[in-house]
Amino acid sequence: MNNKHIGEIIYSEKQIKERVKEISQLINKDYKSEEPILIGIFKGSVYFLADLSRELKIQHNIDFLSIGRFKSTDGTKEKVKITKDLDLTIRNRDIIVVEDIIRTGLTHSYIVKYLAPKRPKSIKLCVFLDCKVQRLVELPIKYNGFEIDSKFVIGYGLDYEEKYRNLPYIAKFRQ
């Protein structure tokens, strides 16, 4: 692997495993008599979702959404669009949207607004990296792994040009 873009490690594989276990314990407690649906947002959430799911002791289902960003027809605005919809019915079910990172929150606000008319019992967000300093909207974030500043990072699902997702740690991106 070309390591020229891998900078300082911010969160080690050990720290990540410990934090995922802590988050799973909170979810186990909160949903002990429920069977939530974990909805991963492709592609970044895959590693976090898989590790989280393996740590959960409660029954749960897994589904995925994929989001694309497209230029408007006049090329001035970027629009968000669902490119892969849910396979499961979420009506009257507790939903936990699992994501690798939330920065401005605009895309995740769109996701919550998209899911709400499907009438789930509840919608909560579970994010691995929470970049509150860039947040532009309020979101129902219930679980977060780590807070991070605005630096660009790679690993554990986060990529640069579709590379470095498979790193077992989070590292600063180096130009």
N, C-alpha and C. Protein backbone atom coordinates (compact mmCIF):
# COMPACT_ATOMS: atom_id res chain seq x y z
N MET A 1 0.85 -1.19 0.00
CA MET A 1 0.00 0.00 0.00
C MET A 1 0.89 1.24 0.00
N ASN A 2 0.50 2.19 -0.81
CA ASN A 2 1.21 3.46 -0.84
C ASN A 2 0.84 4.25 0.42
N ASN A 3 1.81 4.53 1.26
CA ASN A 3 1.55 5.17 2.55
C ASN A 3 1.81 6.67 2.56
N LYS A 4 2.00 7.27 1.40
CA LYS A 4 2.39 8.69 1.38
C LYS A 4 1.32 9.61 1.96
N HIS A 5 0.06 9.19 1.98
CA HIS A 5 -1.01 10.04 2.51
C HIS A 5 -1.34 9.75 3.98
N ILE A 6 -0.72 8.74 4.55
CA ILE A 6 -1.03 8.37 5.93
C ILE A 6 -0.16 9.19 6.88
N GLY A 7 -0.83 10.05 7.63
CA GLY A 7 -0.13 10.88 8.61
C GLY A 7 -0.20 10.28 10.00
N GLU A 8 -0.16 11.15 10.97
CA GLU A 8 -0.19 10.76 12.39
C GLU A 8 -1.47 9.98 12.70
N ILE A 9 -1.33 8.90 13.46
CA ILE A 9 -2.50 8.13 13.89
C ILE A 9 -3.18 8.88 15.02
N ILE A 10 -4.48 9.13 14.83
CA ILE A 10 -5.26 9.87 15.82
C ILE A 10 -5.94 8.91 16.79
N TYR A 11 -6.54 7.84 16.25
CA TYR A 11 -7.20 6.82 17.07
C TYR A 11 -6.68 5.46 16.62
N SER A 12 -6.10 4.73 17.56
CA SER A 12 -5.50 3.43 17.27
C SER A 12 -6.59 2.36 17.11
N GLU A 13 -6.19 1.24 16.58
CA GLU A 13 -7.11 0.11 16.45
C GLU A 13 -7.66 -0.29 17.82
N LYS A 14 -6.82 -0.29 18.83
CA LYS A 14 -7.25 -0.64 20.19
C LYS A 14 -8.28 0.37 20.73
N GLN A 15 -8.01 1.66 20.55
CA GLN A 15 -8.95 2.69 21.00
C GLN A 15 -10.30 2.55 20.29
N ILE A 16 -10.25 2.25 19.00
CA ILE A 16 -11.48 2.08 18.22
C ILE A 16 -12.28 0.90 18.75
N LYS A 17 -11.63 -0.23 18.96
CA LYS A 17 -12.32 -1.42 19.47
C LYS A 17 -12.96 -1.16 20.83
N GLU A 18 -12.24 -0.47 21.70
CA GLU A 18 -12.78 -0.16 23.03
C GLU A 18 -13.99 0.75 22.93
N ARG A 19 -13.91 1.76 22.07
CA ARG A 19 -15.03 2.70 21.95
C ARG A 19 -16.25 2.04 21.31
N VAL A 20 -16.04 1.19 20.32
CA VAL A 20 -17.15 0.47 19.70
C VAL A 20 -17.85 -0.41 20.74
N LYS A 21 -17.08 -1.05 21.58
CA LYS A 21 -17.65 -1.89 22.64
C LYS A 21 -18.48 -1.04 23.61
N GLU A 22 -17.97 0.14 23.97
CA GLU A 22 -18.71 1.03 24.87
C GLU A 22 -20.02 1.49 24.24
N ILE A 23 -19.98 1.85 22.96
CA ILE A 23 -21.20 2.28 22.27
C ILE A 23 -22.21 1.12 22.21
N SER A 24 -21.73 -0.07 21.92
CA SER A 24 -22.63 -1.23 21.83
C SER A 24 -23.30 -1.49 23.18
N GLN A 25 -22.57 -1.29 24.26
CA GLN A 25 -23.16 -1.49 25.59
C GLN A 25 -24.29 -0.48 25.84
N LEU A 26 -24.11 0.75 25.39
CA LEU A 26 -25.17 1.76 25.53
C LEU A 26 -26.40 1.37 24.71
N ILE A 27 -26.17 0.92 23.48
CA ILE A 27 -27.28 0.51 22.62
C ILE A 27 -27.98 -0.72 23.20
N ASN A 28 -27.22 -1.68 23.71
CA ASN A 28 -27.80 -2.86 24.35
C ASN A 28 -28.73 -2.46 25.49
N LYS A 29 -28.29 -1.51 26.28
CA LYS A 29 -29.09 -1.03 27.42
C LYS A 29 -30.34 -0.29 26.94
N ASP A 30 -30.16 0.63 25.99
CA ASP A 30 -31.28 1.45 25.51
C ASP A 30 -32.34 0.65 24.76
N TYR A 31 -31.94 -0.42 24.10
CA TYR A 31 -32.86 -1.19 23.26
C TYR A 31 -33.01 -2.63 23.74
N LYS A 32 -32.88 -2.84 25.06
CA LYS A 32 -32.88 -4.21 25.58
C LYS A 32 -34.16 -4.97 25.29
N SER A 33 -35.27 -4.29 25.15
CA SER A 33 -36.53 -4.99 24.85
C SER A 33 -37.04 -4.65 23.44
N GLU A 34 -36.17 -4.11 22.62
CA GLU A 34 -36.53 -3.72 21.25
C GLU A 34 -35.66 -4.47 20.25
N GLU A 35 -36.00 -4.34 18.99
CA GLU A 35 -35.21 -4.92 17.91
C GLU A 35 -35.00 -3.85 16.85
N PRO A 36 -34.02 -2.97 17.07
CA PRO A 36 -33.84 -1.86 16.14
C PRO A 36 -33.29 -2.31 14.78
N ILE A 37 -33.43 -1.42 13.82
CA ILE A 37 -32.80 -1.61 12.52
C ILE A 37 -31.62 -0.66 12.46
N LEU A 38 -30.44 -1.21 12.22
CA LEU A 38 -29.26 -0.39 12.01
C LEU A 38 -29.18 -0.10 10.52
N ILE A 39 -29.16 1.18 10.17
CA ILE A 39 -29.09 1.57 8.77
C ILE A 39 -27.72 2.19 8.53
N GLY A 40 -26.89 1.48 7.79
CA GLY A 40 -25.57 1.98 7.44
C GLY A 40 -25.64 2.85 6.20
N ILE A 41 -24.83 3.88 6.18
CA ILE A 41 -24.75 4.76 5.02
C ILE A 41 -23.51 4.33 4.24
N PHE A 42 -23.73 3.78 3.03
CA PHE A 42 -22.62 3.30 2.19
C PHE A 42 -21.68 4.44 1.86
N LYS A 43 -20.47 4.23 1.69
CA LYS A 43 -19.63 3.09 1.92
C LYS A 43 -18.89 3.22 3.25
N GLY A 44 -18.83 4.45 3.73
CA GLY A 44 -17.99 4.72 4.90
C GLY A 44 -18.37 4.00 6.17
N SER A 45 -19.64 3.69 6.37
CA SER A 45 -20.08 3.11 7.63
C SER A 45 -19.83 1.62 7.75
N VAL A 46 -19.44 0.96 6.69
CA VAL A 46 -19.38 -0.51 6.66
C VAL A 46 -18.52 -1.08 7.79
N TYR A 47 -17.34 -0.55 8.01
CA TYR A 47 -16.45 -1.10 9.04
C TYR A 47 -17.02 -0.88 10.43
N PHE A 48 -17.46 0.33 10.71
CA PHE A 48 -18.05 0.65 12.01
C PHE A 48 -19.31 -0.18 12.24
N LEU A 49 -20.18 -0.25 11.25
CA LEU A 49 -21.43 -1.01 11.38
C LEU A 49 -21.15 -2.48 11.65
N ALA A 50 -20.21 -3.08 10.93
CA ALA A 50 -19.90 -4.49 11.13
C ALA A 50 -19.37 -4.74 12.55
N ASP A 51 -18.44 -3.91 12.99
CA ASP A 51 -17.89 -4.09 14.33
C ASP A 51 -18.95 -3.87 15.40
N LEU A 52 -19.77 -2.85 15.23
CA LEU A 52 -20.83 -2.54 16.18
C LEU A 52 -21.84 -3.69 16.25
N SER A 53 -22.25 -4.17 15.11
CA SER A 53 -23.23 -5.26 15.05
C SER A 53 -22.71 -6.51 15.77
N ARG A 54 -21.44 -6.83 15.59
CA ARG A 54 -20.87 -8.01 16.26
C ARG A 54 -20.83 -7.86 17.77
N GLU A 55 -20.76 -6.63 18.26
CA GLU A 55 -20.72 -6.39 19.70
C GLU A 55 -22.11 -6.34 20.34
N LEU A 56 -23.15 -6.13 19.55
CA LEU A 56 -24.49 -6.03 20.11
C LEU A 56 -24.99 -7.39 20.59
N LYS A 57 -25.63 -7.38 21.75
CA LYS A 57 -26.22 -8.60 22.31
C LYS A 57 -27.72 -8.66 22.05
N ILE A 58 -28.29 -7.56 21.60
CA ILE A 58 -29.73 -7.51 21.30
C ILE A 58 -29.98 -7.97 19.87
N GLN A 59 -31.19 -8.40 19.62
CA GLN A 59 -31.59 -8.72 18.25
C GLN A 59 -31.68 -7.41 17.47
N HIS A 60 -31.25 -7.44 16.24
CA HIS A 60 -31.32 -6.24 15.39
C HIS A 60 -31.26 -6.66 13.94
N ASN A 61 -31.70 -5.77 13.08
CA ASN A 61 -31.61 -5.97 11.64
C ASN A 61 -30.63 -4.94 11.09
N ILE A 62 -30.16 -5.20 9.88
CA ILE A 62 -29.24 -4.29 9.21
C ILE A 62 -29.77 -4.00 7.81
N ASP A 63 -29.69 -2.75 7.43
CA ASP A 63 -30.03 -2.34 6.06
C ASP A 63 -29.08 -1.21 5.69
N PHE A 64 -29.13 -0.82 4.42
CA PHE A 64 -28.22 0.22 3.94
C PHE A 64 -28.95 1.24 3.08
N LEU A 65 -28.46 2.47 3.15
CA LEU A 65 -28.82 3.55 2.24
C LEU A 65 -27.53 3.98 1.57
N SER A 66 -27.64 4.42 0.34
CA SER A 66 -26.50 5.03 -0.31
C SER A 66 -26.92 6.41 -0.79
N ILE A 67 -26.05 7.36 -0.57
CA ILE A 67 -26.32 8.75 -0.89
C ILE A 67 -25.35 9.19 -1.97
N GLY A 68 -25.87 9.92 -2.95
CA GLY A 68 -25.01 10.49 -3.97
C GLY A 68 -25.17 11.99 -3.98
N ARG A 69 -24.15 12.67 -4.41
CA ARG A 69 -24.20 14.13 -4.56
C ARG A 69 -24.05 14.43 -6.04
N PHE A 70 -24.94 15.27 -6.53
CA PHE A 70 -24.96 15.59 -7.95
C PHE A 70 -25.05 17.10 -8.12
N LYS A 71 -24.48 17.61 -9.18
CA LYS A 71 -24.61 19.02 -9.52
C LYS A 71 -26.02 19.26 -10.07
N SER A 72 -26.59 20.40 -9.70
CA SER A 72 -27.88 20.76 -10.26
C SER A 72 -27.74 20.95 -11.76
N THR A 73 -28.86 20.99 -12.46
CA THR A 73 -28.81 21.08 -13.92
C THR A 73 -28.07 22.32 -14.40
N ASP A 74 -28.10 23.40 -13.61
CA ASP A 74 -27.36 24.60 -14.02
C ASP A 74 -25.92 24.60 -13.49
N GLY A 75 -25.57 23.53 -12.73
CA GLY A 75 -24.19 23.37 -12.26
C GLY A 75 -23.80 24.25 -11.09
N THR A 76 -24.77 24.94 -10.47
CA THR A 76 -24.42 25.88 -9.40
C THR A 76 -24.52 25.27 -8.01
N LYS A 77 -25.37 24.27 -7.83
CA LYS A 77 -25.59 23.69 -6.51
C LYS A 77 -25.33 22.19 -6.54
N GLU A 78 -24.94 21.68 -5.37
CA GLU A 78 -24.80 20.25 -5.22
C GLU A 78 -26.07 19.73 -4.56
N LYS A 79 -26.65 18.70 -5.14
CA LYS A 79 -27.86 18.11 -4.59
C LYS A 79 -27.56 16.72 -4.05
N VAL A 80 -28.28 16.35 -3.01
CA VAL A 80 -28.15 15.03 -2.41
C VAL A 80 -29.31 14.17 -2.92
N LYS A 81 -29.00 12.92 -3.22
CA LYS A 81 -30.02 12.02 -3.75
C LYS A 81 -29.76 10.62 -3.20
N ILE A 82 -30.83 9.90 -2.90
CA ILE A 82 -30.72 8.51 -2.47
C ILE A 82 -30.42 7.67 -3.71
N THR A 83 -29.31 6.95 -3.69
CA THR A 83 -28.95 6.11 -4.84
C THR A 83 -29.18 4.63 -4.57
N LYS A 84 -29.36 4.25 -3.29
CA LYS A 84 -29.74 2.89 -2.92
C LYS A 84 -30.68 3.03 -1.74
N ASP A 85 -31.92 2.59 -1.92
CA ASP A 85 -32.93 2.73 -0.87
C ASP A 85 -32.93 1.51 0.05
N LEU A 86 -33.71 1.61 1.10
CA LEU A 86 -33.84 0.52 2.07
C LEU A 86 -34.55 -0.68 1.45
N ASP A 87 -34.20 -1.85 1.94
CA ASP A 87 -34.90 -3.07 1.56
C ASP A 87 -35.94 -3.44 2.61
N LEU A 88 -35.70 -3.06 3.86
CA LEU A 88 -36.61 -3.39 4.96
C LEU A 88 -37.67 -2.29 5.14
N THR A 89 -38.80 -2.69 5.67
CA THR A 89 -39.84 -1.74 6.05
C THR A 89 -39.50 -1.22 7.44
N ILE A 90 -39.50 0.09 7.60
CA ILE A 90 -39.11 0.68 8.89
C ILE A 90 -40.29 1.22 9.69
N ARG A 91 -41.48 1.11 9.16
CA ARG A 91 -42.68 1.61 9.87
C ARG A 91 -42.77 0.98 11.26
N ASN A 92 -42.94 1.85 12.27
CA ASN A 92 -43.07 1.45 13.67
C ASN A 92 -41.85 0.70 14.23
N ARG A 93 -40.70 0.93 13.63
CA ARG A 93 -39.46 0.30 14.11
C ARG A 93 -38.51 1.40 14.60
N ASP A 94 -37.70 1.05 15.57
CA ASP A 94 -36.63 1.95 16.02
C ASP A 94 -35.49 1.88 15.02
N ILE A 95 -35.04 3.04 14.59
CA ILE A 95 -34.00 3.14 13.58
C ILE A 95 -32.76 3.77 14.20
N ILE A 96 -31.61 3.16 13.94
CA ILE A 96 -30.33 3.76 14.32
C ILE A 96 -29.54 3.90 13.02
N VAL A 97 -29.37 5.14 12.58
CA VAL A 97 -28.58 5.42 11.38
C VAL A 97 -27.12 5.43 11.80
N VAL A 98 -26.33 4.56 11.18
CA VAL A 98 -24.91 4.40 11.53
C VAL A 98 -24.06 5.04 10.45
N GLU A 99 -23.17 5.93 10.87
CA GLU A 99 -22.36 6.68 9.91
C GLU A 99 -20.92 6.79 10.40
N ASP A 100 -20.00 6.95 9.47
CA ASP A 100 -18.59 7.07 9.83
C ASP A 100 -18.26 8.45 10.40
N ILE A 101 -18.76 9.51 9.76
CA ILE A 101 -18.44 10.87 10.21
C ILE A 101 -19.58 11.81 9.86
N ILE A 102 -19.82 12.75 10.75
CA ILE A 102 -20.78 13.82 10.48
C ILE A 102 -20.04 15.14 10.66
N ARG A 103 -20.08 15.94 9.61
CA ARG A 103 -19.44 17.26 9.66
C ARG A 103 -20.53 18.33 9.74
N THR A 104 -20.97 18.87 8.62
CA THR A 104 -21.98 19.95 8.65
C THR A 104 -23.33 19.45 9.12
N GLY A 105 -23.62 18.19 8.83
CA GLY A 105 -24.91 17.62 9.20
C GLY A 105 -25.97 17.78 8.13
N LEU A 106 -25.66 18.48 7.06
CA LEU A 106 -26.67 18.74 6.03
C LEU A 106 -27.15 17.44 5.36
N THR A 107 -26.22 16.57 5.02
CA THR A 107 -26.61 15.30 4.40
C THR A 107 -27.43 14.46 5.38
N HIS A 108 -27.04 14.46 6.63
CA HIS A 108 -27.74 13.65 7.63
C HIS A 108 -29.11 14.22 7.97
N SER A 109 -29.23 15.53 7.89
CA SER A 109 -30.54 16.15 8.04
C SER A 109 -31.46 15.70 6.90
N TYR A 110 -30.91 15.64 5.70
CA TYR A 110 -31.65 15.14 4.54
C TYR A 110 -32.09 13.70 4.78
N ILE A 111 -31.19 12.87 5.31
CA ILE A 111 -31.52 11.46 5.57
C ILE A 111 -32.65 11.35 6.58
N VAL A 112 -32.57 12.09 7.67
CA VAL A 112 -33.63 12.05 8.69
C VAL A 112 -34.96 12.49 8.08
N LYS A 113 -34.95 13.57 7.29
CA LYS A 113 -36.18 14.04 6.64
C LYS A 113 -36.70 13.02 5.63
N TYR A 114 -35.81 12.30 4.99
CA TYR A 114 -36.19 11.26 4.03
C TYR A 114 -36.85 10.07 4.75
N LEU A 115 -36.31 9.69 5.90
CA LEU A 115 -36.82 8.53 6.62
C LEU A 115 -38.11 8.81 7.39
N ALA A 116 -38.29 10.03 7.89
CA ALA A 116 -39.43 10.36 8.74
C ALA A 116 -40.79 10.02 8.14
N PRO A 117 -41.06 10.30 6.87
CA PRO A 117 -42.37 9.95 6.31
C PRO A 117 -42.64 8.44 6.23
N LYS A 118 -41.60 7.63 6.40
CA LYS A 118 -41.78 6.18 6.41
C LYS A 118 -42.29 5.71 7.77
N ARG A 119 -42.47 6.63 8.69
CA ARG A 119 -43.09 6.46 10.00
C ARG A 119 -42.40 5.46 10.92
N PRO A 120 -41.09 5.59 11.09
CA PRO A 120 -40.43 4.75 12.09
C PRO A 120 -40.86 5.15 13.49
N LYS A 121 -40.70 4.27 14.43
CA LYS A 121 -41.01 4.56 15.83
C LYS A 121 -40.07 5.64 16.36
N SER A 122 -38.79 5.54 16.00
CA SER A 122 -37.80 6.54 16.39
C SER A 122 -36.65 6.51 15.39
N ILE A 123 -35.93 7.64 15.31
CA ILE A 123 -34.73 7.74 14.49
C ILE A 123 -33.64 8.36 15.35
N LYS A 124 -32.55 7.64 15.51
CA LYS A 124 -31.38 8.15 16.23
C LYS A 124 -30.17 7.98 15.32
N LEU A 125 -29.17 8.80 15.55
CA LEU A 125 -27.93 8.69 14.79
C LEU A 125 -26.82 8.15 15.68
N CYS A 126 -26.02 7.29 15.10
CA CYS A 126 -24.84 6.73 15.75
C CYS A 126 -23.67 7.02 14.82
N VAL A 127 -22.81 7.90 15.24
CA VAL A 127 -21.72 8.35 14.37
C VAL A 127 -20.38 8.02 15.02
N PHE A 128 -19.46 7.55 14.22
CA PHE A 128 -18.15 7.21 14.76
C PHE A 128 -17.33 8.46 15.06
N LEU A 129 -17.26 9.39 14.10
CA LEU A 129 -16.54 10.65 14.31
C LEU A 129 -17.51 11.82 14.18
N ASP A 130 -17.54 12.64 15.20
CA ASP A 130 -18.46 13.77 15.24
C ASP A 130 -17.66 15.07 15.19
N CYS A 131 -17.83 15.81 14.11
CA CYS A 131 -17.10 17.06 13.90
C CYS A 131 -18.04 18.23 14.22
N LYS A 132 -18.25 18.46 15.50
CA LYS A 132 -19.21 19.49 15.94
C LYS A 132 -18.82 20.90 15.50
N VAL A 133 -17.53 21.14 15.32
CA VAL A 133 -17.09 22.50 14.95
C VAL A 133 -17.59 22.90 13.57
N GLN A 134 -17.96 21.95 12.73
CA GLN A 134 -18.46 22.27 11.39
C GLN A 134 -19.98 22.16 11.28
N ARG A 135 -20.66 21.77 12.36
CA ARG A 135 -22.10 21.51 12.32
C ARG A 135 -22.90 22.76 11.97
N LEU A 136 -23.81 22.62 11.03
CA LEU A 136 -24.68 23.71 10.61
C LEU A 136 -26.13 23.49 11.03
N VAL A 137 -26.50 22.26 11.35
CA VAL A 137 -27.88 21.92 11.73
C VAL A 137 -27.88 21.01 12.95
N GLU A 138 -28.98 21.06 13.68
CA GLU A 138 -29.15 20.16 14.83
C GLU A 138 -29.56 18.78 14.32
N LEU A 139 -29.02 17.75 14.95
CA LEU A 139 -29.32 16.38 14.56
C LEU A 139 -29.58 15.52 15.80
N PRO A 140 -30.37 14.44 15.65
CA PRO A 140 -30.63 13.55 16.79
C PRO A 140 -29.50 12.53 17.00
N ILE A 141 -28.29 13.05 17.29
CA ILE A 141 -27.16 12.16 17.51
C ILE A 141 -27.26 11.61 18.94
N LYS A 142 -27.43 10.32 19.03
CA LYS A 142 -27.57 9.66 20.33
C LYS A 142 -26.24 9.03 20.77
N TYR A 143 -25.50 8.51 19.81
CA TYR A 143 -24.24 7.82 20.13
C TYR A 143 -23.14 8.37 19.24
N ASN A 144 -22.00 8.69 19.86
CA ASN A 144 -20.85 9.08 19.04
C ASN A 144 -19.59 8.48 19.61
N GLY A 145 -18.71 8.14 18.68
CA GLY A 145 -17.46 7.51 19.07
C GLY A 145 -16.47 8.52 19.62
N PHE A 146 -16.07 9.42 18.76
CA PHE A 146 -15.07 10.42 19.13
C PHE A 146 -15.44 11.75 18.49
N GLU A 147 -15.10 12.84 19.20
CA GLU A 147 -15.21 14.16 18.59
C GLU A 147 -13.91 14.43 17.86
N ILE A 148 -14.03 15.12 16.75
CA ILE A 148 -12.86 15.41 15.93
C ILE A 148 -12.97 16.85 15.43
N ASP A 149 -11.83 17.48 15.20
CA ASP A 149 -11.88 18.83 14.64
C ASP A 149 -12.01 18.72 13.12
N SER A 150 -11.78 19.78 12.42
CA SER A 150 -12.05 19.82 10.99
C SER A 150 -10.96 19.21 10.11
N LYS A 151 -9.94 18.61 10.71
CA LYS A 151 -8.89 18.00 9.88
C LYS A 151 -9.44 16.84 9.05
N PHE A 152 -8.84 16.62 7.90
CA PHE A 152 -9.24 15.53 7.02
C PHE A 152 -8.54 14.26 7.49
N VAL A 153 -9.32 13.20 7.68
CA VAL A 153 -8.79 11.95 8.20
C VAL A 153 -9.15 10.78 7.29
N ILE A 154 -8.37 9.71 7.42
CA ILE A 154 -8.60 8.50 6.63
C ILE A 154 -8.53 7.28 7.55
N GLY A 155 -9.09 6.18 7.06
CA GLY A 155 -9.05 4.92 7.79
C GLY A 155 -10.39 4.59 8.41
N TYR A 156 -10.56 3.31 8.74
CA TYR A 156 -11.77 2.80 9.38
C TYR A 156 -13.04 3.27 8.66
N GLY A 157 -13.01 3.15 7.34
CA GLY A 157 -14.15 3.51 6.51
C GLY A 157 -14.01 4.84 5.80
N LEU A 158 -13.18 5.71 6.31
CA LEU A 158 -12.99 7.03 5.70
C LEU A 158 -11.93 6.94 4.62
N ASP A 159 -12.20 7.59 3.49
CA ASP A 159 -11.32 7.40 2.34
C ASP A 159 -10.79 8.71 1.78
N TYR A 160 -9.83 8.54 0.92
CA TYR A 160 -9.36 9.59 0.02
C TYR A 160 -9.30 8.92 -1.35
N GLU A 161 -10.13 9.40 -2.27
CA GLU A 161 -10.24 8.83 -3.61
C GLU A 161 -10.44 7.32 -3.57
N GLU A 162 -11.34 6.89 -2.68
CA GLU A 162 -11.71 5.48 -2.50
C GLU A 162 -10.57 4.60 -1.98
N LYS A 163 -9.54 5.19 -1.42
CA LYS A 163 -8.42 4.45 -0.84
C LYS A 163 -8.38 4.68 0.67
N TYR A 164 -7.75 3.78 1.38
CA TYR A 164 -7.46 3.87 2.81
C TYR A 164 -8.64 3.52 3.72
N ARG A 165 -9.79 3.15 3.18
CA ARG A 165 -10.92 2.77 4.03
C ARG A 165 -10.56 1.60 4.95
N ASN A 166 -9.72 0.70 4.46
CA ASN A 166 -9.43 -0.53 5.17
C ASN A 166 -8.42 -0.39 6.31
N LEU A 167 -7.87 0.79 6.51
CA LEU A 167 -6.94 0.96 7.63
C LEU A 167 -7.68 0.69 8.94
N PRO A 168 -7.08 -0.05 9.86
CA PRO A 168 -7.76 -0.38 11.12
C PRO A 168 -7.71 0.74 12.15
N TYR A 169 -7.22 1.90 11.77
CA TYR A 169 -7.08 3.05 12.66
C TYR A 169 -7.50 4.30 11.90
N ILE A 170 -7.60 5.41 12.61
CA ILE A 170 -7.89 6.71 12.01
C ILE A 170 -6.60 7.52 12.02
N ALA A 171 -6.23 8.05 10.85
CA ALA A 171 -4.99 8.83 10.72
C ALA A 171 -5.27 10.15 10.02
N LYS A 172 -4.45 11.13 10.31
CA LYS A 172 -4.51 12.39 9.58
C LYS A 172 -4.13 12.11 8.13
N PHE A 173 -4.81 12.78 7.23
CA PHE A 173 -4.48 12.69 5.82
C PHE A 173 -3.32 13.65 5.55
N ARG A 174 -2.34 13.14 4.84
CA ARG A 174 -1.17 13.96 4.49
C ARG A 174 -1.18 14.18 2.98
N GLN A 175 -1.09 15.43 2.56
CA GLN A 175 -1.08 15.76 1.13
C GLN A 175 0.12 15.20 0.42
